[in-house]
Amino acid sequence: MVTKASRNHGRKFDSVTSERGWRKLLGRTISIAIVAAAVILGLTVLYRESYYPRTEDAEIFANFIGIAPQVDGPLIRLNVKDNQFVKKGELLYEIDDRPYEYALENAVSEQSTLEGQVGDEQRKIAALESAVSVAQANIHSSEADVVNAERGVDRARAEWNYANNNLHRIEPLLAKQFVTVDEVDKARSSETAQAEALRQAESRLQLAKAELSSVLAQHEQARHAVTTLEPLINQRGAKAAAVKKARYDLDNCRVYAPFDARVTNLTISEGAYAHVGQQMFTLIDARTWWAVGNFREGQLKRITPGMRADVYLMSMPNLRFAGVVDSVGFGVTPDPDKIGSLQPGLPDLQRTLNWVHLASRFPVRVRVENPTPDLFRISESAVVTIRGD
């Protein structure tokens, strides 16, 4: 016979058993849900890492140039301070320009003097060229005079020979009275006159030759004088270059900002003597900023130039900057533990075995599209996420 107490005990046992089963089922369900959530989360992370590569190994970078004077002199004005932001065209510094003004004036004066000399020589040469033309005409006239004088000498010599022969022919006939004394005197007078005519013709020939030599000498002198202009003309290039150099040095006494930039590493003050090539400060180009992120080699297949990217600064982790991939690196310094030491002869390879192979990283340059100059600093830590096309 079942008592009332027995029935109550049975009901209580069934209730406890049912509650334990429900709790066990709930625990299994929660465990399965946790495992499933972990798997889904892992797959999501794997997917995002594969298709949206991300790296915290990134730094901010910008182009920068060192500012060094191109002329020597006292620094009379320094218009910037360290870490100051300057706009394009603002005066950076000024060097005492008085010595360079004097050098420019001297170069211009020398150039003007040379041009005056060239002008004088050109006028002289114009006159000399006319003299050359006259000398050439005189040469032809003198040559003709020499030819005529030579012909006159030939005629006079022929006539003197005839008179001389005639005199020697009739003089023996006077003793035999075949000719008269008067005829002999006439022959002797004729020979004397022809001899004098011959001497005069020879004198005219010598004079004509002397005049021809003089005219030739004048012509050669005139031609030589014409060539004296060429050395002066050749000096024009050097004088013009000296003027340009002096003006270039004078212009470099005042240096202006070539672009919007940030001044840094200022190491000089007003009153110091500036030396050519000695850097005074650095200008950081504030127009373009990059985030250079080092991505694992297995992620590079998902990164191509032109892809969109997000850039976060470690100093402002909640502020997102839009960017675009400019380029993907194609080389880094080889690991000597893997390829050994490259040297003349044969490669030096170490006999080691690495059980864990670390993926190489290559730099990816991301150009920031909306940089805030006051927030960006070179070598500042950053996070880069590639968003794809």
Protein backbone atom coordinates (compact mmCIF):
# COMPACT_ATOMS: atom_id res chain seq x y z
CA MET A 1 0.00 0.00 0.00
CA VAL A 2 1.50 3.35 -1.13
CA THR A 3 1.39 5.96 1.52
CA LYS A 4 0.98 9.64 1.06
CA ALA A 5 4.60 10.28 2.05
CA SER A 6 5.85 7.89 -0.60
CA ARG A 7 3.92 9.69 -3.29
CA ASN A 8 5.29 13.05 -2.22
CA HIS A 9 8.87 11.71 -2.25
CA GLY A 10 8.45 10.38 -5.79
CA ARG A 11 7.16 13.64 -7.09
CA LYS A 12 10.07 15.48 -5.54
CA PHE A 13 12.61 13.10 -7.15
CA ASP A 14 11.05 13.51 -10.60
CA SER A 15 11.23 17.29 -10.27
CA VAL A 16 14.93 17.20 -9.32
CA THR A 17 15.73 14.85 -12.20
CA SER A 18 13.90 17.08 -14.72
CA GLU A 19 15.72 20.20 -13.47
CA ARG A 20 19.13 18.51 -13.77
CA GLY A 21 18.37 17.44 -17.35
CA TRP A 22 17.31 20.91 -18.31
CA ARG A 23 20.47 22.41 -16.82
CA LYS A 24 22.61 19.87 -18.62
CA LEU A 25 20.90 20.65 -21.91
CA LEU A 26 21.33 24.37 -21.34
CA GLY A 27 25.04 23.93 -20.61
CA ARG A 28 25.55 21.92 -23.77
CA THR A 29 23.69 24.50 -25.79
CA ILE A 30 25.78 27.34 -24.35
CA SER A 31 29.01 25.40 -24.98
CA ILE A 32 28.02 24.73 -28.57
CA ALA A 33 27.08 28.38 -29.02
CA ILE A 34 30.43 29.53 -27.58
CA VAL A 35 32.34 27.16 -29.85
CA ALA A 36 30.29 28.26 -32.85
CA ALA A 37 30.79 31.93 -31.99
CA ALA A 38 34.54 31.34 -31.63
CA VAL A 39 34.64 29.57 -34.98
CA ILE A 40 32.63 32.33 -36.64
CA LEU A 41 34.79 34.99 -35.01
CA GLY A 42 37.95 33.19 -36.11
CA LEU A 43 36.66 32.84 -39.66
CA THR A 44 35.66 36.51 -39.67
CA VAL A 45 39.08 37.57 -38.43
CA LEU A 46 40.75 35.28 -40.98
CA TYR A 47 38.58 36.69 -43.74
CA ARG A 48 39.28 40.29 -42.76
CA GLU A 49 42.99 39.60 -42.40
CA SER A 50 43.01 38.00 -45.83
CA TYR A 51 40.88 40.50 -47.73
CA TYR A 52 41.44 43.62 -45.61
CA PRO A 53 45.10 43.43 -44.52
CA ARG A 54 45.96 45.40 -41.42
CA THR A 55 49.21 46.22 -39.67
CA GLU A 56 50.25 48.11 -36.59
CA ASP A 57 53.86 48.12 -37.78
CA ALA A 58 53.54 51.46 -39.57
CA GLU A 59 55.05 54.93 -39.33
CA ILE A 60 54.20 58.36 -40.69
CA PHE A 61 56.60 59.70 -43.29
CA ALA A 62 57.03 62.88 -45.36
CA ASN A 63 59.65 64.29 -47.67
CA PHE A 64 62.14 66.70 -46.14
CA ILE A 65 65.06 68.76 -47.35
CA GLY A 66 68.05 70.31 -45.61
CA ILE A 67 68.37 74.07 -45.97
CA ALA A 68 71.98 75.18 -46.45
CA PRO A 69 73.17 78.54 -47.81
CA GLN A 70 74.67 78.77 -51.28
CA VAL A 71 76.65 81.91 -50.45
CA ASP A 72 78.86 82.85 -47.50
CA GLY A 73 78.19 85.77 -45.24
CA PRO A 74 76.79 87.04 -41.93
CA LEU A 75 73.22 86.01 -41.21
CA ILE A 76 71.50 89.36 -40.71
CA ARG A 77 67.93 88.05 -40.52
CA LEU A 78 66.48 84.71 -39.46
CA ASN A 79 62.74 84.77 -40.06
CA VAL A 80 61.79 81.34 -38.66
CA LYS A 81 61.78 79.48 -35.37
CA ASP A 82 62.21 75.80 -34.62
CA ASN A 83 59.06 73.74 -35.36
CA GLN A 84 57.37 76.73 -37.00
CA PHE A 85 54.95 76.20 -39.88
CA VAL A 86 55.76 78.33 -42.93
CA LYS A 87 53.80 78.96 -46.11
CA LYS A 88 55.25 78.78 -49.59
CA GLY A 89 57.07 82.00 -50.52
CA GLU A 90 57.73 83.18 -46.96
CA LEU A 91 61.22 84.55 -46.26
CA LEU A 92 63.33 82.05 -44.33
CA TYR A 93 66.59 83.91 -43.84
CA GLU A 94 68.70 86.71 -45.27
CA ILE A 95 72.48 86.99 -45.64
CA ASP A 96 74.35 90.30 -45.92
CA ASP A 97 74.15 91.01 -49.66
CA ARG A 98 76.44 94.05 -49.94
CA PRO A 99 79.53 92.16 -51.18
CA TYR A 100 77.40 90.44 -53.82
CA GLU A 101 75.85 93.74 -54.93
CA TYR A 102 79.37 95.10 -55.45
CA ALA A 103 80.36 91.97 -57.35
CA LEU A 104 77.31 92.35 -59.61
CA GLU A 105 78.07 96.01 -60.28
CA ASN A 106 81.68 95.15 -61.11
CA ALA A 107 80.61 92.33 -63.48
CA VAL A 108 78.10 94.61 -65.23
CA SER A 109 80.75 97.33 -65.54
CA GLU A 110 83.25 94.92 -67.08
CA GLN A 111 80.61 93.71 -69.50
CA SER A 112 79.81 97.31 -70.52
CA THR A 113 83.51 98.06 -70.97
CA LEU A 114 83.90 95.05 -73.22
CA GLU A 115 80.90 96.08 -75.30
CA GLY A 116 82.45 99.54 -75.67
CA GLN A 117 85.70 97.98 -76.86
CA VAL A 118 83.80 95.80 -79.29
CA GLY A 119 82.00 98.87 -80.65
CA ASP A 120 85.27 100.77 -81.07
CA GLU A 121 86.89 97.84 -82.81
CA GLN A 122 83.91 97.44 -85.10
CA ARG A 123 84.20 101.07 -86.17
CA LYS A 124 87.93 100.66 -86.70
CA ILE A 125 87.37 97.50 -88.66
CA ALA A 126 84.80 99.24 -90.86
CA ALA A 127 87.46 101.80 -91.74
CA LEU A 128 90.07 99.07 -92.17
CA GLU A 129 87.80 97.08 -94.43
CA SER A 130 87.52 100.15 -96.61
CA ALA A 131 91.29 100.46 -96.48
CA VAL A 132 91.59 96.84 -97.51
CA SER A 133 89.41 97.50 -100.53
CA VAL A 134 91.52 100.51 -101.44
CA ALA A 135 94.69 98.49 -100.87
CA GLN A 136 93.42 95.76 -103.14
CA ALA A 137 92.75 98.33 -105.86
CA ASN A 138 96.21 99.83 -105.32
CA ILE A 139 97.76 96.38 -105.62
CA HIS A 140 96.27 95.95 -109.06
CA SER A 141 97.42 99.45 -110.06
CA SER A 142 100.93 98.85 -108.67
CA GLU A 143 101.18 95.52 -110.41
CA ALA A 144 100.21 97.20 -113.67
CA ASP A 145 102.86 99.89 -113.04
CA VAL A 146 105.49 97.21 -112.48
CA VAL A 147 104.54 95.48 -115.70
CA ASN A 148 104.68 98.77 -117.63
CA ALA A 149 108.02 99.62 -116.05
CA GLU A 150 109.42 96.24 -117.00
CA ARG A 151 108.29 96.77 -120.58
CA GLY A 152 109.85 100.24 -120.56
CA VAL A 153 113.13 98.77 -119.36
CA ASP A 154 113.02 96.19 -122.12
CA ARG A 155 112.43 98.89 -124.76
CA ALA A 156 115.14 101.12 -123.33
CA ARG A 157 117.62 98.25 -123.20
CA ALA A 158 116.85 97.31 -126.78
CA GLU A 159 117.31 100.89 -127.95
CA TRP A 160 120.53 101.26 -125.95
CA ASN A 161 121.86 98.01 -127.40
CA TYR A 162 121.12 99.30 -130.88
CA ALA A 163 122.81 102.65 -130.20
CA ASN A 164 125.80 100.99 -128.55
CA ASN A 165 126.26 98.52 -131.39
CA ASN A 166 125.94 101.32 -133.95
CA LEU A 167 128.57 103.38 -132.12
CA HIS A 168 131.01 100.51 -131.98
CA ARG A 169 130.32 99.78 -135.63
CA ILE A 170 131.05 103.26 -137.03
CA GLU A 171 133.87 104.32 -134.72
CA PRO A 172 136.47 102.14 -136.59
CA LEU A 173 135.28 103.62 -139.90
CA LEU A 174 136.27 107.16 -138.81
CA ALA A 175 140.02 106.38 -139.19
CA LYS A 176 139.44 105.26 -142.74
CA GLN A 177 137.27 108.31 -143.34
CA PHE A 178 134.32 106.16 -144.38
CA VAL A 179 132.20 108.24 -141.98
CA THR A 180 132.44 111.77 -140.80
CA VAL A 181 133.17 113.00 -137.29
CA ASP A 182 129.68 114.41 -137.08
CA GLU A 183 128.14 111.01 -137.69
CA VAL A 184 130.29 109.46 -134.96
CA ASP A 185 129.32 112.23 -132.53
CA LYS A 186 125.65 111.68 -133.28
CA ALA A 187 126.04 107.92 -132.67
CA ARG A 188 127.92 108.60 -129.42
CA SER A 189 125.23 111.06 -128.27
CA SER A 190 122.52 108.62 -129.18
CA GLU A 191 124.23 105.84 -127.17
CA THR A 192 124.59 108.12 -124.15
CA ALA A 193 120.95 109.20 -124.34
CA GLN A 194 119.74 105.62 -124.63
CA ALA A 195 121.93 104.55 -121.68
CA GLU A 196 120.37 107.33 -119.58
CA ALA A 197 116.90 106.29 -120.73
CA LEU A 198 117.70 102.73 -119.68
CA ARG A 199 118.81 103.87 -116.22
CA GLN A 200 115.64 105.90 -115.80
CA ALA A 201 113.47 102.94 -116.89
CA GLU A 202 115.25 100.70 -114.40
CA SER A 203 114.74 103.31 -111.67
CA ARG A 204 111.03 103.51 -112.50
CA LEU A 205 110.88 99.69 -112.31
CA GLN A 206 112.54 99.64 -108.87
CA LEU A 207 110.17 102.38 -107.68
CA ALA A 208 107.14 100.47 -108.99
CA LYS A 209 108.31 97.32 -107.23
CA ALA A 210 108.88 99.23 -104.00
CA GLU A 211 105.37 100.73 -104.23
CA LEU A 212 103.93 97.26 -104.85
CA SER A 213 105.73 95.91 -101.78
CA SER A 214 104.43 98.78 -99.69
CA VAL A 215 100.86 98.28 -100.90
CA LEU A 216 101.08 94.54 -100.18
CA ALA A 217 102.38 95.27 -96.67
CA GLN A 218 99.50 97.73 -96.06
CA HIS A 219 96.99 95.20 -97.33
CA GLU A 220 98.36 92.51 -95.02
CA GLN A 221 98.34 94.91 -92.08
CA ALA A 222 94.72 95.83 -92.77
CA ARG A 223 93.70 92.18 -93.00
CA HIS A 224 95.49 91.43 -89.72
CA ALA A 225 93.76 94.35 -88.01
CA VAL A 226 90.35 92.94 -89.01
CA THR A 227 91.04 89.74 -87.03
CA THR A 228 91.61 91.64 -83.76
CA LEU A 229 87.84 91.73 -83.12
CA GLU A 230 87.52 87.98 -82.70
CA PRO A 231 89.27 87.79 -79.26
CA LEU A 232 86.95 90.49 -77.94
CA ILE A 233 83.88 88.72 -79.29
CA ASN A 234 85.03 85.51 -77.59
CA GLN A 235 85.10 87.33 -74.23
CA ARG A 236 81.39 88.13 -74.41
CA GLY A 237 80.34 84.71 -73.14
CA ALA A 238 82.63 84.89 -70.12
CA LYS A 239 81.50 88.41 -69.21
CA ALA A 240 77.82 87.45 -69.54
CA ALA A 241 78.40 84.35 -67.40
CA ALA A 242 80.12 86.48 -64.75
CA VAL A 243 77.09 88.79 -64.62
CA LYS A 244 74.71 85.84 -64.30
CA LYS A 245 76.86 84.29 -61.56
CA ALA A 246 76.97 87.56 -59.61
CA ARG A 247 73.19 88.00 -59.95
CA TYR A 248 72.65 84.37 -58.91
CA ASP A 249 74.77 84.86 -55.77
CA LEU A 250 72.89 88.06 -54.96
CA ASP A 251 69.52 86.33 -55.33
CA ASN A 252 70.67 83.53 -53.01
CA CYS A 253 71.24 86.00 -50.20
CA ARG A 254 67.48 85.80 -49.56
CA VAL A 255 65.96 82.34 -49.35
CA TYR A 256 62.23 81.70 -49.41
CA ALA A 257 60.17 78.62 -48.54
CA PRO A 258 59.79 76.45 -51.67
CA PHE A 259 56.56 74.88 -50.33
CA ASP A 260 54.34 74.72 -47.27
CA ALA A 261 56.59 73.19 -44.68
CA ARG A 262 57.46 72.67 -41.03
CA VAL A 263 60.82 74.00 -39.80
CA THR A 264 62.77 71.62 -37.58
CA ASN A 265 66.28 71.04 -36.27
CA LEU A 266 67.18 74.75 -36.32
CA THR A 267 70.86 75.05 -35.36
CA ILE A 268 71.78 78.69 -36.09
CA SER A 269 70.83 82.18 -34.99
CA GLU A 270 71.06 85.72 -36.32
CA GLY A 271 74.58 87.15 -36.35
CA ALA A 272 76.24 83.83 -37.10
CA TYR A 273 78.41 83.46 -40.19
CA ALA A 274 76.72 81.19 -42.70
CA HIS A 275 78.93 78.87 -44.74
CA VAL A 276 78.12 77.37 -48.12
CA GLY A 277 76.73 73.85 -47.80
CA GLN A 278 76.51 73.92 -43.99
CA GLN A 279 72.95 72.91 -43.11
CA MET A 280 71.10 75.33 -40.84
CA PHE A 281 67.71 73.61 -40.48
CA THR A 282 65.36 71.11 -42.10
CA LEU A 283 62.09 71.71 -43.93
CA ILE A 284 59.47 68.96 -43.72
CA ASP A 285 57.21 69.03 -46.78
CA ALA A 286 53.75 69.43 -45.25
CA ARG A 287 51.90 69.06 -48.55
CA THR A 288 51.99 65.27 -48.70
CA TRP A 289 52.12 62.71 -45.90
CA TRP A 290 52.42 58.95 -46.11
CA ALA A 291 51.89 56.05 -43.76
CA VAL A 292 54.49 53.40 -44.52
CA GLY A 293 53.17 50.07 -43.26
CA ASN A 294 55.18 46.84 -43.18
CA PHE A 295 52.90 44.01 -44.34
CA ARG A 296 53.67 40.29 -44.33
CA GLU A 297 54.59 38.87 -47.71
CA GLY A 298 51.49 36.66 -47.69
CA GLN A 299 49.29 39.78 -47.56
CA LEU A 300 50.86 41.53 -50.53
CA LYS A 301 48.72 39.65 -53.06
CA ARG A 302 45.71 41.51 -51.63
CA ILE A 303 47.38 44.94 -51.94
CA THR A 304 47.76 46.86 -55.17
CA PRO A 305 48.35 50.57 -55.89
CA GLY A 306 45.16 52.58 -56.01
CA MET A 307 43.37 50.68 -53.24
CA ARG A 308 41.63 52.61 -50.50
CA ALA A 309 43.05 52.51 -46.99
CA ASP A 310 42.42 53.79 -43.47
CA VAL A 311 45.17 55.34 -41.37
CA TYR A 312 45.03 55.75 -37.59
CA LEU A 313 47.60 57.60 -35.50
CA MET A 314 48.69 56.14 -32.19
CA SER A 315 48.33 59.61 -30.66
CA MET A 316 44.75 59.92 -32.00
CA PRO A 317 43.45 56.33 -32.25
CA ASN A 318 39.81 57.41 -32.67
CA LEU A 319 40.51 59.70 -35.64
CA ARG A 320 40.44 58.00 -39.03
CA PHE A 321 42.29 59.39 -42.05
CA ALA A 322 41.46 58.26 -45.56
CA GLY A 323 44.32 57.15 -47.75
CA VAL A 324 45.20 55.45 -51.01
CA VAL A 325 47.97 52.96 -51.71
CA ASP A 326 50.73 54.65 -53.70
CA SER A 327 53.17 51.76 -54.06
CA VAL A 328 54.18 48.36 -52.73
CA GLY A 329 57.81 47.71 -51.90
CA PHE A 330 59.82 45.29 -54.00
CA GLY A 331 62.86 44.82 -51.84
CA VAL A 332 64.23 44.78 -48.31
CA THR A 333 67.65 43.99 -46.89
CA PRO A 334 68.28 40.22 -47.18
CA ASP A 335 68.42 38.22 -43.94
CA PRO A 336 72.04 37.07 -43.45
CA ASP A 337 70.84 34.06 -41.43
CA LYS A 338 69.10 32.72 -44.54
CA ILE A 339 71.23 33.68 -47.52
CA GLY A 340 74.53 34.14 -45.72
CA SER A 341 77.04 36.87 -46.37
CA LEU A 342 77.48 38.10 -49.95
CA GLN A 343 81.16 38.74 -50.56
CA PRO A 344 83.77 38.25 -53.29
CA GLY A 345 84.24 34.59 -54.12
CA LEU A 346 81.61 32.16 -52.87
CA PRO A 347 78.61 32.98 -50.63
CA ASP A 348 79.21 32.39 -46.92
CA LEU A 349 76.24 30.24 -45.76
CA GLN A 350 75.66 29.35 -42.11
CA ARG A 351 74.78 25.72 -41.35
CA THR A 352 71.71 26.39 -39.24
CA LEU A 353 68.19 25.00 -39.24
CA ASN A 354 65.35 27.32 -38.36
CA TRP A 355 62.28 25.48 -37.12
CA VAL A 356 60.16 28.60 -37.16
CA HIS A 357 60.14 30.64 -40.39
CA LEU A 358 59.05 34.24 -39.93
CA ALA A 359 57.35 35.87 -42.88
CA SER A 360 59.24 38.74 -44.46
CA ARG A 361 57.64 42.14 -44.39
CA PHE A 362 57.60 44.66 -47.22
CA PRO A 363 56.82 48.37 -46.98
CA VAL A 364 53.56 49.62 -48.44
CA ARG A 365 53.29 53.37 -48.92
CA VAL A 366 49.83 54.82 -48.29
CA ARG A 367 49.27 58.46 -49.17
CA VAL A 368 47.04 60.27 -46.68
CA GLU A 369 44.36 62.26 -48.48
CA ASN A 370 43.18 64.54 -45.67
CA PRO A 371 46.21 65.14 -43.46
CA THR A 372 46.13 67.64 -40.62
CA PRO A 373 49.61 69.24 -40.52
CA ASP A 374 49.40 69.89 -36.79
CA LEU A 375 48.83 66.17 -36.04
CA PHE A 376 51.30 64.49 -38.38
CA ARG A 377 54.92 63.98 -37.42
CA ILE A 378 57.63 61.99 -39.16
CA SER A 379 58.19 58.53 -37.60
CA GLU A 380 54.95 58.72 -35.64
CA SER A 381 53.44 55.28 -35.02
CA ALA A 382 50.35 54.43 -37.02
CA VAL A 383 47.94 51.66 -37.94
CA VAL A 384 47.08 50.96 -41.57
CA THR A 385 44.11 48.98 -42.84
CA ILE A 386 43.67 48.23 -46.52
CA ARG A 387 40.04 48.56 -47.62
CA GLY A 388 40.46 47.20 -51.14
CA ASP A 389 39.13 48.67 -54.36
